[in-house]
Amino acid sequence: MSGTDWPIFGVHHVALLDFVRFWEQLYSGYDEKFYQENIGKPLTKERIGDWFKWKNGTPLSAKKLENILRYDLPDEQIAHDATTEQLQEFLNRDGGAIWRIFWLHLQHPRHFPIYDQHVHRAMSFLLKWADLEIPFHNPAKVHIYLTDYRSFFARFEDCDQRQVDRALWAFGKFLRTSYASIFHALPHKELP
């Protein structure tokens, strides 16, 4: 190695597409092959169980599996163009906001992005919110998803949605590490 071949980690403000490219390559979350092979396919009972096992990261308990399999029922379907009020009612039903939002994503992946603690943290940081963590109460999660997260995610309209999800997830997870303190020392620029 010569005297100029030593790598360092640097922080730069970049264009939105470059942000997605950089953070998406650091994604180390869920099994991407499963996602790509199953998204948009018919939501059979078996596939629903497999999806929620994927989301959970581990096999589901009998009680969770029982709750998940009810998603096969007709009243657990909702149109992609449902009103905000209909979506609020749908997402605030039993089952937890994050899992219900995921169920909404499975039904209409192009209209409803995945939402969880990591992507919430990424959005909160980028929007300069004082509290980066996702709210505890389900109605608050639903409200933020419908009023803030979906419009924030829409800023990435020229990017592949799955790459955006992966980038935000990786960035949000990074923000939980001790290394993220370097971001707090930098001047925070306004998002376009």
Protein backbone atom coordinates (compact mmCIF):
# COMPACT_ATOMS: atom_id res chain seq x y z
CA MET A 1 0.00 0.00 0.00
CA SER A 2 1.29 3.40 -0.90
CA GLY A 3 0.97 6.42 1.36
CA THR A 4 -2.35 7.46 -0.29
CA ASP A 5 -4.23 4.15 -0.28
CA TRP A 6 -5.71 4.31 3.21
CA PRO A 7 -9.54 4.41 3.28
CA ILE A 8 -11.53 6.68 5.56
CA PHE A 9 -15.22 7.17 6.11
CA GLY A 10 -16.48 10.58 5.06
CA VAL A 11 -19.78 12.39 5.15
CA HIS A 12 -20.96 14.35 2.14
CA HIS A 13 -24.27 15.86 1.19
CA VAL A 14 -25.34 14.27 -2.08
CA ALA A 15 -28.29 14.16 -4.45
CA LEU A 16 -31.25 11.99 -3.55
CA LEU A 17 -30.36 9.25 -6.05
CA ASP A 18 -26.80 9.06 -4.70
CA PHE A 19 -28.19 8.78 -1.16
CA VAL A 20 -30.30 5.80 -2.24
CA ARG A 21 -27.42 4.15 -4.09
CA PHE A 22 -25.03 4.49 -1.16
CA TRP A 23 -27.32 3.35 1.67
CA GLU A 24 -29.06 0.62 -0.34
CA GLN A 25 -25.75 -1.19 -0.81
CA LEU A 26 -25.37 -1.30 3.00
CA TYR A 27 -28.72 -3.04 3.48
CA SER A 28 -28.37 -6.27 5.42
CA GLY A 29 -31.91 -6.88 6.49
CA TYR A 30 -34.41 -9.34 5.16
CA ASP A 31 -34.01 -12.05 2.50
CA GLU A 32 -34.21 -10.05 -0.72
CA LYS A 33 -34.57 -13.11 -2.94
CA PHE A 34 -37.76 -14.09 -1.11
CA TYR A 35 -39.12 -10.56 -1.48
CA GLN A 36 -38.43 -10.37 -5.21
CA GLU A 37 -39.81 -13.85 -5.92
CA ASN A 38 -43.05 -13.29 -3.98
CA ILE A 39 -44.05 -9.63 -4.21
CA GLY A 40 -47.13 -9.14 -6.36
CA LYS A 41 -48.00 -12.85 -6.38
CA PRO A 42 -51.44 -14.09 -5.25
CA LEU A 43 -51.79 -13.87 -1.48
CA THR A 44 -52.70 -17.44 -0.60
CA LYS A 45 -52.86 -18.57 3.05
CA GLU A 46 -49.48 -20.25 2.66
CA ARG A 47 -47.87 -17.20 1.06
CA ILE A 48 -49.37 -14.89 3.71
CA GLY A 49 -47.81 -17.09 6.42
CA ASP A 50 -44.49 -17.07 4.58
CA TRP A 51 -44.59 -13.27 4.19
CA PHE A 52 -45.15 -12.66 7.88
CA LYS A 53 -42.49 -15.18 8.81
CA TRP A 54 -40.20 -13.16 6.53
CA LYS A 55 -41.24 -9.90 8.20
CA ASN A 56 -40.88 -11.39 11.68
CA GLY A 57 -37.42 -12.74 10.89
CA THR A 58 -38.23 -15.95 12.77
CA PRO A 59 -40.98 -18.57 12.75
CA LEU A 60 -44.31 -17.27 14.01
CA SER A 61 -45.85 -18.38 17.28
CA ALA A 62 -49.13 -20.27 16.99
CA LYS A 63 -51.07 -17.19 18.18
CA LYS A 64 -49.36 -14.86 15.69
CA LEU A 65 -49.90 -17.35 12.87
CA GLU A 66 -53.60 -17.59 13.76
CA ASN A 67 -53.92 -13.79 13.67
CA ILE A 68 -52.04 -13.55 10.38
CA LEU A 69 -54.07 -16.19 8.57
CA ARG A 70 -57.25 -14.17 9.08
CA TYR A 71 -55.82 -11.74 6.49
CA ASP A 72 -57.14 -14.18 3.91
CA LEU A 73 -60.70 -13.09 4.73
CA PRO A 74 -62.52 -10.68 2.38
CA ASP A 75 -62.94 -7.97 5.05
CA GLU A 76 -59.14 -7.82 5.37
CA GLN A 77 -58.79 -6.51 1.81
CA ILE A 78 -58.80 -2.83 0.96
CA ALA A 79 -58.67 -0.96 -2.34
CA HIS A 80 -55.51 0.87 -3.35
CA ASP A 81 -57.54 4.06 -3.73
CA ALA A 82 -59.24 3.89 -0.32
CA THR A 83 -59.82 7.22 1.42
CA THR A 84 -57.62 8.34 4.29
CA GLU A 85 -60.49 7.64 6.68
CA GLN A 86 -60.90 4.10 5.33
CA LEU A 87 -57.15 3.49 5.59
CA GLN A 88 -57.09 4.82 9.15
CA GLU A 89 -59.90 2.47 10.19
CA PHE A 90 -58.25 -0.46 8.39
CA LEU A 91 -54.79 0.14 9.88
CA ASN A 92 -56.05 0.72 13.41
CA ARG A 93 -57.74 -2.67 13.63
CA ASP A 94 -56.31 -5.38 15.88
CA GLY A 95 -52.97 -6.78 14.86
CA GLY A 96 -50.57 -3.88 15.34
CA ALA A 97 -49.98 -0.94 13.03
CA ILE A 98 -46.65 -2.11 11.60
CA TRP A 99 -47.98 -5.54 10.63
CA ARG A 100 -51.17 -4.06 9.21
CA ILE A 101 -49.15 -1.55 7.16
CA PHE A 102 -47.05 -4.44 5.92
CA TRP A 103 -50.27 -6.26 4.98
CA LEU A 104 -51.35 -3.13 3.09
CA HIS A 105 -47.98 -3.14 1.28
CA LEU A 106 -48.45 -6.79 0.29
CA GLN A 107 -51.85 -5.98 -1.20
CA HIS A 108 -50.66 -2.86 -3.06
CA PRO A 109 -46.84 -2.69 -3.11
CA ARG A 110 -46.72 0.22 -5.58
CA HIS A 111 -49.07 2.39 -3.49
CA PHE A 112 -48.06 1.68 0.10
CA PRO A 113 -44.41 1.48 1.19
CA ILE A 114 -43.27 -0.69 4.09
CA TYR A 115 -42.99 1.23 7.37
CA ASP A 116 -41.08 0.25 10.48
CA GLN A 117 -38.84 1.68 13.18
CA HIS A 118 -35.80 2.01 10.92
CA VAL A 119 -37.42 3.83 8.00
CA HIS A 120 -39.26 6.03 10.51
CA ARG A 121 -35.95 6.95 12.14
CA ALA A 122 -34.42 7.75 8.74
CA MET A 123 -37.35 10.00 7.83
CA SER A 124 -37.31 11.70 11.23
CA PHE A 125 -33.61 12.46 10.98
CA LEU A 126 -33.84 13.75 7.41
CA LEU A 127 -36.83 15.94 8.29
CA LYS A 128 -35.01 17.18 11.42
CA TRP A 129 -37.64 16.00 13.88
CA ALA A 130 -36.63 16.27 17.53
CA ASP A 131 -37.63 12.68 18.32
CA LEU A 132 -36.26 10.11 15.90
CA GLU A 133 -37.98 7.06 17.34
CA ILE A 134 -41.29 5.64 16.16
CA PRO A 135 -44.22 6.31 18.52
CA PHE A 136 -45.34 3.52 20.82
CA HIS A 137 -49.08 3.80 20.25
CA ASN A 138 -50.57 2.30 17.10
CA PRO A 139 -52.88 5.25 16.25
CA ALA A 140 -49.85 7.58 16.30
CA LYS A 141 -47.94 5.22 14.00
CA VAL A 142 -50.89 5.07 11.60
CA HIS A 143 -51.25 8.85 11.61
CA ILE A 144 -47.55 9.41 10.85
CA TYR A 145 -47.58 6.75 8.15
CA LEU A 146 -50.60 8.24 6.39
CA THR A 147 -49.78 11.93 6.80
CA ASP A 148 -45.98 12.06 6.82
CA TYR A 149 -44.25 8.89 5.70
CA ARG A 150 -46.13 8.33 2.46
CA SER A 151 -45.51 11.91 1.30
CA PHE A 152 -41.86 11.67 2.40
CA PHE A 153 -41.47 8.40 0.47
CA ALA A 154 -43.06 10.03 -2.59
CA ARG A 155 -40.02 12.36 -2.83
CA PHE A 156 -38.17 9.34 -4.19
CA GLU A 157 -40.50 8.99 -7.19
CA ASP A 158 -37.63 8.68 -9.69
CA CYS A 159 -36.05 5.78 -7.78
CA ASP A 160 -36.89 2.10 -7.55
CA GLN A 161 -39.23 1.80 -4.55
CA ARG A 162 -37.59 -1.32 -3.16
CA GLN A 163 -34.16 0.29 -3.36
CA VAL A 164 -35.53 3.32 -1.50
CA ASP A 165 -36.99 1.09 1.20
CA ARG A 166 -33.69 -0.75 1.56
CA ALA A 167 -31.72 2.53 1.66
CA LEU A 168 -33.96 4.12 4.29
CA TRP A 169 -33.91 0.91 6.36
CA ALA A 170 -30.09 0.76 6.26
CA PHE A 171 -29.72 4.47 7.06
CA GLY A 172 -32.26 4.29 9.89
CA LYS A 173 -30.55 1.25 11.36
CA PHE A 174 -27.18 3.02 11.09
CA LEU A 175 -28.61 5.95 13.05
CA ARG A 176 -29.00 3.59 16.05
CA THR A 177 -25.24 2.94 16.15
CA SER A 178 -22.64 4.95 18.03
CA TYR A 179 -21.07 5.87 14.68
CA ALA A 180 -24.10 8.00 13.80
CA SER A 181 -22.95 10.70 16.20
CA ILE A 182 -20.85 12.13 13.35
CA PHE A 183 -24.09 13.20 11.66
CA HIS A 184 -25.23 15.19 14.66
CA ALA A 185 -22.08 17.31 14.55
CA LEU A 186 -22.60 18.33 10.93
CA PRO A 187 -24.65 21.28 9.72
CA HIS A 188 -28.03 19.94 8.69
CA LYS A 189 -29.12 21.07 5.23
CA GLU A 190 -32.73 21.50 4.25
CA LEU A 191 -34.20 18.79 2.05
CA PRO A 192 -35.38 19.97 -1.36
